[in-house]
PDB file of N, CA and C in Angstrom:
ATOM      1  N   MET A   1      -9.906   0.950  -4.779  1.00  0.00           N
ATOM      2  CA  MET A   1     -10.634   0.195  -3.899  1.00  0.00           C
ATOM      3  C   MET A   1      -9.854   0.784  -2.793  1.00  0.00           C
ATOM      4  N   PHE A   2     -10.693   1.165  -1.670  1.00  0.00           N
ATOM      5  CA  PHE A   2     -10.541   1.506  -0.678  1.00  0.00           C
ATOM      6  C   PHE A   2     -10.789   0.608   0.608  1.00  0.00           C
ATOM      7  N   PHE A   3     -10.358   0.167   1.514  1.00  0.00           N
ATOM      8  CA  PHE A   3     -10.828  -0.523   2.445  1.00  0.00           C
ATOM      9  C   PHE A   3     -10.093   0.522   3.948  1.00  0.00           C
ATOM     10  N   PHE A   4     -10.671   0.165   5.077  1.00  0.00           N
ATOM     11  CA  PHE A   4     -10.393   0.764   6.288  1.00  0.00           C
ATOM     12  C   PHE A   4     -10.585  -0.493   7.703  1.00  0.00           C
ATOM     13  N   THR A   5      -9.820  -0.456   8.670  1.00  0.00           N
ATOM     14  CA  THR A   5     -10.138  -1.189  10.051  1.00  0.00           C
ATOM     15  C   THR A   5     -10.043  -0.348  11.054  1.00  0.00           C
ATOM     16  N   GLU A   6     -10.569  -0.970  11.790  1.00  0.00           N
ATOM     17  CA  GLU A   6     -11.292  -0.205  13.190  1.00  0.00           C
ATOM     18  C   GLU A   6     -10.976  -1.240  14.189  1.00  0.00           C
ATOM     19  N   HIS A   7     -10.880  -0.580  15.313  1.00  0.00           N
ATOM     20  CA  HIS A   7     -10.609  -1.492  16.507  1.00  0.00           C
ATOM     21  C   HIS A   7     -11.272  -0.363  17.651  1.00  0.00           C
ATOM     22  N   GLU A   8     -12.238  -1.065  18.501  1.00  0.00           N
ATOM     23  CA  GLU A   8     -13.002   0.084  19.879  1.00  0.00           C
ATOM     24  C   GLU A   8     -13.471   0.854  18.826  1.00  0.00           C
ATOM     25  N   ASN A   9     -14.169   0.738  18.012  1.00  0.00           N
ATOM     26  CA  ASN A   9     -15.018   1.909  16.918  1.00  0.00           C
ATOM     27  C   ASN A   9     -14.395   2.843  16.933  1.00  0.00           C
ATOM     28  N   GLU A  10     -12.865   3.001  16.039  1.00  0.00           N
ATOM     29  CA  GLU A  10     -11.935   4.210  15.605  1.00  0.00           C
ATOM     30  C   GLU A  10     -11.099   3.502  14.558  1.00  0.00           C
ATOM     31  N   ILE A  11     -11.327   4.455  13.617  1.00  0.00           N
ATOM     32  CA  ILE A  11     -10.323   3.855  12.703  1.00  0.00           C
ATOM     33  C   ILE A  11      -9.302   3.943  12.612  1.00  0.00           C
ATOM     34  N   ILE A  12      -8.586   2.619  12.680  1.00  0.00           N
ATOM     35  CA  ILE A  12      -7.241   2.778  12.941  1.00  0.00           C
ATOM     36  C   ILE A  12      -6.214   2.600  11.793  1.00  0.00           C
ATOM     37  N   GLY A  13      -6.331   2.184  10.416  1.00  0.00           N
ATOM     38  CA  GLY A  13      -6.265   1.646   9.287  1.00  0.00           C
ATOM     39  C   GLY A  13      -6.752   1.892   8.184  1.00  0.00           C
ATOM     40  N   ILE A  14      -6.157   2.496   6.870  1.00  0.00           N
ATOM     41  CA  ILE A  14      -6.508   2.571   5.651  1.00  0.00           C
ATOM     42  C   ILE A  14      -5.622   1.948   4.745  1.00  0.00           C
ATOM     43  N   ILE A  15      -6.439   1.699   3.082  1.00  0.00           N
ATOM     44  CA  ILE A  15      -5.774   1.406   2.222  1.00  0.00           C
ATOM     45  C   ILE A  15      -6.297   1.749   1.055  1.00  0.00           C
ATOM     46  N   LEU A  16      -5.667   2.553   0.464  1.00  0.00           N
ATOM     47  CA  LEU A  16      -6.592   2.764  -1.248  1.00  0.00           C
ATOM     48  C   LEU A  16      -5.541   2.432  -2.215  1.00  0.00           C
ATOM     49  N   ASP A  17      -6.051   1.394  -3.368  1.00  0.00           N
ATOM     50  CA  ASP A  17      -5.763   1.220  -3.945  1.00  0.00           C
ATOM     51  C   ASP A  17      -6.603   1.418  -5.277  1.00  0.00           C
ATOM     52  N   GLY A  18      -5.604   1.190  -7.041  1.00  0.00           N
ATOM     53  CA  GLY A  18      -6.354   1.263  -7.724  1.00  0.00           C
ATOM     54  C   GLY A  18      -5.775   1.348  -9.210  1.00  0.00           C
ATOM     55  N   ASN A  19      -6.373   0.640  -9.981  1.00  0.00           N
ATOM     56  CA  ASN A  19      -5.808   0.195 -11.272  1.00  0.00           C
ATOM     57  C   ASN A  19      -6.219   0.644 -12.471  1.00  0.00           C
ATOM     58  N   ASP A  20      -5.079   0.332 -13.657  1.00  0.00           N
ATOM     59  CA  ASP A  20      -5.233   0.490 -14.667  1.00  0.00           C
ATOM     60  C   ASP A  20      -5.781  -0.214 -16.131  1.00  0.00           C
ATOM     61  N   GLY A  21      -6.016  -1.594 -15.486  1.00  0.00           N
ATOM     62  CA  GLY A  21      -6.745  -2.684 -16.217  1.00  0.00           C
ATOM     63  C   GLY A  21      -5.552  -3.820 -16.433  1.00  0.00           C
ATOM     64  N   ARG A  22      -4.078  -3.392 -15.916  1.00  0.00           N
ATOM     65  CA  ARG A  22      -3.043  -4.043 -16.308  1.00  0.00           C
ATOM     66  C   ARG A  22      -2.143  -4.070 -14.545  1.00  0.00           C
ATOM     67  N   ARG A  23      -2.298  -2.857 -14.084  1.00  0.00           N
ATOM     68  CA  ARG A  23      -1.775  -3.009 -12.822  1.00  0.00           C
ATOM     69  C   ARG A  23      -1.903  -2.376 -11.632  1.00  0.00           C
ATOM     70  N   GLY A  24      -1.592  -2.717 -10.647  1.00  0.00           N
ATOM     71  CA  GLY A  24      -2.420  -2.059  -9.549  1.00  0.00           C
ATOM     72  C   GLY A  24      -1.478  -0.747  -8.984  1.00  0.00           C
ATOM     73  N   LEU A  25      -2.156  -0.027  -8.419  1.00  0.00           N
ATOM     74  CA  LEU A  25      -1.174   1.256  -7.447  1.00  0.00           C
ATOM     75  C   LEU A  25      -1.619   1.748  -6.130  1.00  0.00           C
ATOM     76  N   ILE A  26      -0.957   1.147  -5.033  1.00  0.00           N
ATOM     77  CA  ILE A  26      -1.609   1.633  -3.777  1.00  0.00           C
ATOM     78  C   ILE A  26      -0.854   3.204  -3.546  1.00  0.00           C
ATOM     79  N   TYR A  27      -1.963   4.008  -3.423  1.00  0.00           N
ATOM     80  CA  TYR A  27      -1.782   5.417  -2.993  1.00  0.00           C
ATOM     81  C   TYR A  27      -1.578   5.740  -1.910  1.00  0.00           C
ATOM     82  N   HIS A  28      -1.932   5.209  -1.093  1.00  0.00           N
ATOM     83  CA  HIS A  28      -2.192   5.307   0.606  1.00  0.00           C
ATOM     84  C   HIS A  28      -2.435   4.357   1.411  1.00  0.00           C
ATOM     85  N   TRP A  29      -1.598   4.320   2.176  1.00  0.00           N
ATOM     86  CA  TRP A  29      -1.864   3.131   3.186  1.00  0.00           C
ATOM     87  C   TRP A  29      -1.164   3.720   4.535  1.00  0.00           C
ATOM     88  N   MET A  30      -1.883   3.372   5.697  1.00  0.00           N
ATOM     89  CA  MET A  30      -1.364   3.657   6.825  1.00  0.00           C
ATOM     90  C   MET A  30      -2.068   2.571   8.064  1.00  0.00           C
ATOM     91  N   VAL A  31      -1.606   2.798   9.146  1.00  0.00           N
ATOM     92  CA  VAL A  31      -2.017   2.162  10.555  1.00  0.00           C
ATOM     93  C   VAL A  31      -1.435   3.074  11.364  1.00  0.00           C
ATOM     94  N   LYS A  32      -2.223   3.275  12.167  1.00  0.00           N
ATOM     95  CA  LYS A  32      -1.679   4.453  13.358  1.00  0.00           C
ATOM     96  C   LYS A  32      -0.386   3.313  14.022  1.00  0.00           C
ATOM     97  N   VAL A  33       0.403   4.319  14.688  1.00  0.00           N
ATOM     98  CA  VAL A  33       1.663   3.621  15.321  1.00  0.00           C
ATOM     99  C   VAL A  33       1.271   2.969  16.470  1.00  0.00           C
ATOM    100  N   GLU A  34       0.407   2.950  17.291  1.00  0.00           N
ATOM    101  CA  GLU A  34      -0.158   2.307  18.050  1.00  0.00           C
ATOM    102  C   GLU A  34      -0.665   0.942  17.673  1.00  0.00           C
ATOM    103  N   HIS A  35      -0.839   1.048  17.033  1.00  0.00           N
ATOM    104  CA  HIS A  35      -1.661  -0.578  16.580  1.00  0.00           C
ATOM    105  C   HIS A  35      -0.597  -1.278  15.453  1.00  0.00           C
ATOM    106  N   ARG A  36       0.256  -0.968  15.025  1.00  0.00           N
ATOM    107  CA  ARG A  36       1.435  -1.410  13.888  1.00  0.00           C
ATOM    108  C   ARG A  36       1.902  -2.862  14.647  1.00  0.00           C
ATOM    109  N   LYS A  37       1.814  -3.675  13.733  1.00  0.00           N
ATOM    110  CA  LYS A  37       2.820  -4.906  14.024  1.00  0.00           C
ATOM    111  C   LYS A  37       2.013  -5.740  14.911  1.00  0.00           C
ATOM    112  N   LYS A  38       0.310  -5.661  14.846  1.00  0.00           N
ATOM    113  CA  LYS A  38      -0.516  -6.394  15.075  1.00  0.00           C
ATOM    114  C   LYS A  38      -1.341  -7.127  14.110  1.00  0.00           C
ATOM    115  N   GLY A  39      -0.807  -7.070  12.854  1.00  0.00           N
ATOM    116  CA  GLY A  39      -1.960  -7.862  11.560  1.00  0.00           C
ATOM    117  C   GLY A  39      -2.665  -6.841  11.054  1.00  0.00           C
ATOM    118  N   PHE A  40      -3.028  -5.459  11.451  1.00  0.00           N
ATOM    119  CA  PHE A  40      -3.983  -4.617  11.026  1.00  0.00           C
ATOM    120  C   PHE A  40      -3.696  -4.357   9.406  1.00  0.00           C
ATOM    121  N   GLY A  41      -2.705  -3.892   9.068  1.00  0.00           N
ATOM    122  CA  GLY A  41      -1.500  -3.822   7.841  1.00  0.00           C
ATOM    123  C   GLY A  41      -1.591  -4.681   6.938  1.00  0.00           C
ATOM    124  N   ASN A  42      -1.177  -6.346   7.679  1.00  0.00           N
ATOM    125  CA  ASN A  42      -1.412  -7.320   6.661  1.00  0.00           C
ATOM    126  C   ASN A  42      -3.052  -7.523   6.212  1.00  0.00           C
ATOM    127  N   LYS A  43      -4.017  -7.441   7.285  1.00  0.00           N
ATOM    128  CA  LYS A  43      -5.282  -7.824   6.502  1.00  0.00           C
ATOM    129  C   LYS A  43      -5.642  -6.865   5.684  1.00  0.00           C
ATOM    130  N   LEU A  44      -5.230  -5.523   5.789  1.00  0.00           N
ATOM    131  CA  LEU A  44      -5.988  -4.417   4.798  1.00  0.00           C
ATOM    132  C   LEU A  44      -5.214  -4.618   3.685  1.00  0.00           C
ATOM    133  N   LEU A  45      -3.990  -5.139   3.406  1.00  0.00           N
ATOM    134  CA  LEU A  45      -3.180  -5.420   2.331  1.00  0.00           C
ATOM    135  C   LEU A  45      -3.682  -6.845   1.362  1.00  0.00           C
ATOM    136  N   LYS A  46      -4.001  -7.552   2.183  1.00  0.00           N
ATOM    137  CA  LYS A  46      -4.776  -8.715   1.624  1.00  0.00           C
ATOM    138  C   LYS A  46      -6.030  -8.514   0.762  1.00  0.00           C
ATOM    139  N   LYS A  47      -6.673  -7.942   1.772  1.00  0.00           N
ATOM    140  CA  LYS A  47      -7.944  -7.318   0.716  1.00  0.00           C
ATOM    141  C   LYS A  47      -7.781  -6.811  -0.170  1.00  0.00           C
ATOM    142  N   VAL A  48      -7.017  -5.665  -0.617  1.00  0.00           N
ATOM    143  CA  VAL A  48      -6.661  -5.596  -1.771  1.00  0.00           C
ATOM    144  C   VAL A  48      -6.155  -6.625  -2.576  1.00  0.00           C
ATOM    145  N   GLU A  49      -5.030  -7.188  -2.556  1.00  0.00           N
ATOM    146  CA  GLU A  49      -4.278  -8.255  -3.111  1.00  0.00           C
ATOM    147  C   GLU A  49      -5.506  -8.882  -3.368  1.00  0.00           C
ATOM    148  N   GLU A  50      -6.348  -9.186  -2.898  1.00  0.00           N
ATOM    149  CA  GLU A  50      -7.629 -10.388  -3.503  1.00  0.00           C
ATOM    150  C   GLU A  50      -8.494  -9.697  -4.143  1.00  0.00           C
ATOM    151  N   GLY A  51      -8.687  -8.174  -3.969  1.00  0.00           N
ATOM    152  CA  GLY A  51      -9.535  -7.377  -5.428  1.00  0.00           C
ATOM    153  C   GLY A  51      -8.791  -7.791  -6.454  1.00  0.00           C
ATOM    154  N   LEU A  52      -7.281  -6.853  -6.401  1.00  0.00           N
ATOM    155  CA  LEU A  52      -6.764  -7.048  -7.868  1.00  0.00           C
ATOM    156  C   LEU A  52      -6.896  -8.560  -8.506  1.00  0.00           C
ATOM    157  N   ILE A  53      -6.708  -9.582  -7.896  1.00  0.00           N
ATOM    158  CA  ILE A  53      -6.958 -11.115  -8.301  1.00  0.00           C
ATOM    159  C   ILE A  53      -8.096 -10.913  -9.333  1.00  0.00           C
ATOM    160  N   LYS A  54      -9.235 -10.827  -8.464  1.00  0.00           N
ATOM    161  CA  LYS A  54     -10.566 -10.935  -9.085  1.00  0.00           C
ATOM    162  C   LYS A  54     -10.887 -10.201 -10.371  1.00  0.00           C
ATOM    163  N   ASP A  55      -9.844  -8.835 -10.519  1.00  0.00           N
ATOM    164  CA  ASP A  55      -9.923  -8.013 -11.517  1.00  0.00           C
ATOM    165  C   ASP A  55      -8.445  -8.813 -12.293  1.00  0.00           C
ATOM    166  N   ASP A  56      -8.060  -9.540 -12.182  1.00  0.00           N
ATOM    167  CA  ASP A  56      -7.233 -10.039 -13.057  1.00  0.00           C
ATOM    168  C   ASP A  56      -5.942  -9.347 -13.041  1.00  0.00           C
ATOM    169  N   ILE A  57      -5.430  -8.576 -12.167  1.00  0.00           N
ATOM    170  CA  ILE A  57      -4.490  -7.829 -12.102  1.00  0.00           C
ATOM    171  C   ILE A  57      -3.347  -8.762 -11.349  1.00  0.00           C
ATOM    172  N   LYS A  58      -1.955  -8.718 -11.976  1.00  0.00           N
ATOM    173  CA  LYS A  58      -1.338  -9.563 -11.457  1.00  0.00           C
ATOM    174  C   LYS A  58      -0.056  -8.349 -11.153  1.00  0.00           C
ATOM    175  N   ARG A  59       0.276  -7.446 -10.894  1.00  0.00           N
ATOM    176  CA  ARG A  59       1.321  -6.776 -10.647  1.00  0.00           C
ATOM    177  C   ARG A  59       0.956  -5.173  -9.694  1.00  0.00           C
ATOM    178  N   ASN A  60       1.260  -5.427  -8.811  1.00  0.00           N
ATOM    179  CA  ASN A  60       0.836  -4.150  -7.897  1.00  0.00           C
ATOM    180  C   ASN A  60       2.190  -3.228  -7.568  1.00  0.00           C
ATOM    181  N   TYR A  61       2.196  -2.001  -7.690  1.00  0.00           N
ATOM    182  CA  TYR A  61       3.239  -0.867  -7.330  1.00  0.00           C
ATOM    183  C   TYR A  61       3.130   0.068  -6.280  1.00  0.00           C
ATOM    184  N   LEU A  62       3.908   0.453  -5.517  1.00  0.00           N
ATOM    185  CA  LEU A  62       3.594   1.666  -4.575  1.00  0.00           C
ATOM    186  C   LEU A  62       5.019   2.247  -4.100  1.00  0.00           C
ATOM    187  N   VAL A  63       4.601   3.431  -3.507  1.00  0.00           N
ATOM    188  CA  VAL A  63       6.322   4.343  -3.846  1.00  0.00           C
ATOM    189  C   VAL A  63       6.503   4.140  -1.803  1.00  0.00           C
ATOM    190  N   VAL A  64       7.680   3.842  -1.389  1.00  0.00           N
ATOM    191  CA  VAL A  64       8.012   4.063  -0.090  1.00  0.00           C
ATOM    192  C   VAL A  64       9.547   5.086  -0.095  1.00  0.00           C
ATOM    193  N   PHE A  65       9.815   5.875   0.702  1.00  0.00           N
ATOM    194  CA  PHE A  65      10.871   6.933   0.829  1.00  0.00           C
ATOM    195  C   PHE A  65      11.631   6.054   1.441  1.00  0.00           C
ATOM    196  N   LYS A  66      12.667   5.829   0.846  1.00  0.00           N
ATOM    197  CA  LYS A  66      13.893   5.230   1.321  1.00  0.00           C
ATOM    198  C   LYS A  66      14.107   4.973   2.612  1.00  0.00           C
ATOM    199  N   ASP A  67      14.224   6.247   3.545  1.00  0.00           N
ATOM    200  CA  ASP A  67      14.397   6.465   4.885  1.00  0.00           C
ATOM    201  C   ASP A  67      13.349   5.733   5.382  1.00  0.00           C
ATOM    202  N   ASN A  68      12.373   5.424   4.806  1.00  0.00           N
ATOM    203  CA  ASN A  68      11.406   4.574   5.836  1.00  0.00           C
ATOM    204  C   ASN A  68      11.681   3.053   5.699  1.00  0.00           C
ATOM    205  N   GLU A  69      12.164   3.187   7.050  1.00  0.00           N
ATOM    206  CA  GLU A  69      13.171   1.654   7.205  1.00  0.00           C
ATOM    207  C   GLU A  69      11.537   0.473   7.751  1.00  0.00           C
ATOM    208  N   ASN A  70      10.780   0.945   8.743  1.00  0.00           N
ATOM    209  CA  ASN A  70       9.674   0.498   9.225  1.00  0.00           C
ATOM    210  C   ASN A  70       8.602  -0.280   7.694  1.00  0.00           C
ATOM    211  N   GLY A  71       8.540   0.824   7.109  1.00  0.00           N
ATOM    212  CA  GLY A  71       7.851   0.711   5.505  1.00  0.00           C
ATOM    213  C   GLY A  71       8.277  -0.023   4.755  1.00  0.00           C
ATOM    214  N   ASN A  72       9.716   0.090   4.538  1.00  0.00           N
ATOM    215  CA  ASN A  72      10.178  -0.765   3.692  1.00  0.00           C
ATOM    216  C   ASN A  72      10.749  -2.497   4.366  1.00  0.00           C
ATOM    217  N   ASP A  73      10.836  -2.412   5.388  1.00  0.00           N
ATOM    218  CA  ASP A  73      10.526  -3.853   6.412  1.00  0.00           C
ATOM    219  C   ASP A  73       9.323  -4.303   5.631  1.00  0.00           C
ATOM    220  N   PHE A  74       7.995  -3.805   5.999  1.00  0.00           N
ATOM    221  CA  PHE A  74       6.517  -4.189   6.104  1.00  0.00           C
ATOM    222  C   PHE A  74       6.410  -4.776   4.094  1.00  0.00           C
ATOM    223  N   TRP A  75       7.095  -4.194   3.707  1.00  0.00           N
ATOM    224  CA  TRP A  75       6.428  -4.323   1.926  1.00  0.00           C
ATOM    225  C   TRP A  75       7.200  -5.464   1.820  1.00  0.00           C
ATOM    226  N   LYS A  76       9.043  -5.492   2.177  1.00  0.00           N
ATOM    227  CA  LYS A  76       9.624  -6.744   1.634  1.00  0.00           C
ATOM    228  C   LYS A  76       9.031  -8.249   2.508  1.00  0.00           C
ATOM    229  N   ASN A  77       8.534  -8.101   3.467  1.00  0.00           N
ATOM    230  CA  ASN A  77       8.168  -8.953   4.399  1.00  0.00           C
ATOM    231  C   ASN A  77       6.890  -9.563   3.831  1.00  0.00           C
ATOM    232  N   ASN A  78       6.031  -8.587   3.019  1.00  0.00           N
ATOM    233  CA  ASN A  78       4.937  -9.144   2.177  1.00  0.00           C
ATOM    234  C   ASN A  78       5.333  -9.364   0.587  1.00  0.00           C
ATOM    235  N   GLY A  79       6.443  -9.531   0.041  1.00  0.00           N
ATOM    236  CA  GLY A  79       6.589 -10.224  -1.286  1.00  0.00           C
ATOM    237  C   GLY A  79       7.165  -8.925  -1.904  1.00  0.00           C
ATOM    238  N   TYR A  80       6.756  -8.241  -1.538  1.00  0.00           N
ATOM    239  CA  TYR A  80       7.144  -6.775  -2.544  1.00  0.00           C
ATOM    240  C   TYR A  80       8.639  -6.623  -2.381  1.00  0.00           C
ATOM    241  N   GLU A  81       9.098  -6.029  -3.997  1.00  0.00           N
ATOM    242  CA  GLU A  81      11.008  -5.606  -4.054  1.00  0.00           C
ATOM    243  C   GLU A  81      11.110  -4.489  -4.684  1.00  0.00           C
ATOM    244  N   ILE A  82      12.060  -3.692  -4.314  1.00  0.00           N
ATOM    245  CA  ILE A  82      12.451  -2.519  -4.995  1.00  0.00           C
ATOM    246  C   ILE A  82      13.034  -2.953  -6.480  1.00  0.00           C
ATOM    247  N   ARG A  83      12.540  -2.104  -7.071  1.00  0.00           N
ATOM    248  CA  ARG A  83      12.371  -2.172  -8.536  1.00  0.00           C
ATOM    249  C   ARG A  83      13.695  -0.787  -9.284  1.00  0.00           C
ATOM    250  N   ASP A  84      14.656  -1.084  -9.954  1.00  0.00           N
ATOM    251  CA  ASP A  84      14.981  -0.114 -10.580  1.00  0.00           C
ATOM    252  C   ASP A  84      15.612   0.012 -11.606  1.00  0.00           C
ATOM    253  N   PHE A  85      13.941  -0.393 -12.306  1.00  0.00           N
ATOM    254  CA  PHE A  85      13.730  -0.089 -13.755  1.00  0.00           C
ATOM    255  C   PHE A  85      13.172   1.480 -14.116  1.00  0.00           C
ATOM    256  N   VAL A  86      12.696   1.831 -13.066  1.00  0.00           N
ATOM    257  CA  VAL A  86      11.934   2.751 -13.508  1.00  0.00           C
ATOM    258  C   VAL A  86      12.498   4.240 -12.607  1.00  0.00           C
ATOM    259  N   ASN A  87      12.406   5.542 -13.126  1.00  0.00           N
ATOM    260  CA  ASN A  87      12.594   6.663 -11.967  1.00  0.00           C
ATOM    261  C   ASN A  87      11.189   7.489 -12.064  1.00  0.00           C
ATOM    262  N   PHE A  88      11.301   7.546 -10.566  1.00  0.00           N
ATOM    263  CA  PHE A  88      10.144   8.076 -10.172  1.00  0.00           C
ATOM    264  C   PHE A  88      10.597   9.584 -10.469  1.00  0.00           C
ATOM    265  N   GLN A  89       9.226  10.643 -11.160  1.00  0.00           N
ATOM    266  CA  GLN A  89       9.445  11.785 -11.284  1.00  0.00           C
ATOM    267  C   GLN A  89       8.311  12.472 -10.618  1.00  0.00           C
ATOM    268  N   SER A  90       8.730  13.639 -10.431  1.00  0.00           N
ATOM    269  CA  SER A  90       7.721  14.570 -10.456  1.00  0.00           C
ATOM    270  C   SER A  90       7.815  15.781 -10.607  1.00  0.00           C
ATOM    271  N   LYS A  91       6.746  17.166 -10.687  1.00  0.00           N
ATOM    272  CA  LYS A  91       6.745  18.655 -11.168  1.00  0.00           C
ATOM    273  C   LYS A  91       6.321  19.324 -10.077  1.00  0.00           C
ATOM    274  N   LYS A  92       6.912  19.857  -9.768  1.00  0.00           N
ATOM    275  CA  LYS A  92       6.467  21.024  -8.960  1.00  0.00           C
ATOM    276  C   LYS A  92       5.293  21.922  -9.493  1.00  0.00           C
ATOM    277  N   LYS A  93       4.108  22.225  -9.059  1.00  0.00           N
ATOM    278  CA  LYS A  93       3.664  23.473  -9.558  1.00  0.00           C
ATOM    279  C   LYS A  93       4.294  24.803  -9.186  1.00  0.00           C
ATOM    280  N   SER A  94       4.055  25.280 -10.928  1.00  0.00           N
ATOM    281  CA  SER A  94       4.656  26.726  -9.908  1.00  0.00           C
ATOM    282  C   SER A  94       3.685  27.843  -9.565  1.00  0.00           C
ATOM    283  N   THR A  95       3.987  28.908  -8.984  1.00  0.00           N
ATOM    284  CA  THR A  95       3.120  29.564  -8.502  1.00  0.00           C
ATOM    285  C   THR A  95       3.119  31.205  -9.483  1.00  0.00           C
TER     286      THR A  95
END
């Protein structure tokens, strides 16, 4: 799912979410700094969560950097919680 929000004919926020049939994953979510804390991010999140409900997806995940205080506060205020039962892993492509 992909949704965007605009203000005065300018795209100011986007969200991209997918699912594997059991779990959703927010791949990208962004609201321009000057438009944050005005409800645009909540509207985007609500659209995604409504879509997941229609697809009978009961859990949604995302990754937020630990030092992103604003981002972590946003997700906590929307009912998301830090999970400690998984390890986030990556592999850098060698050249």
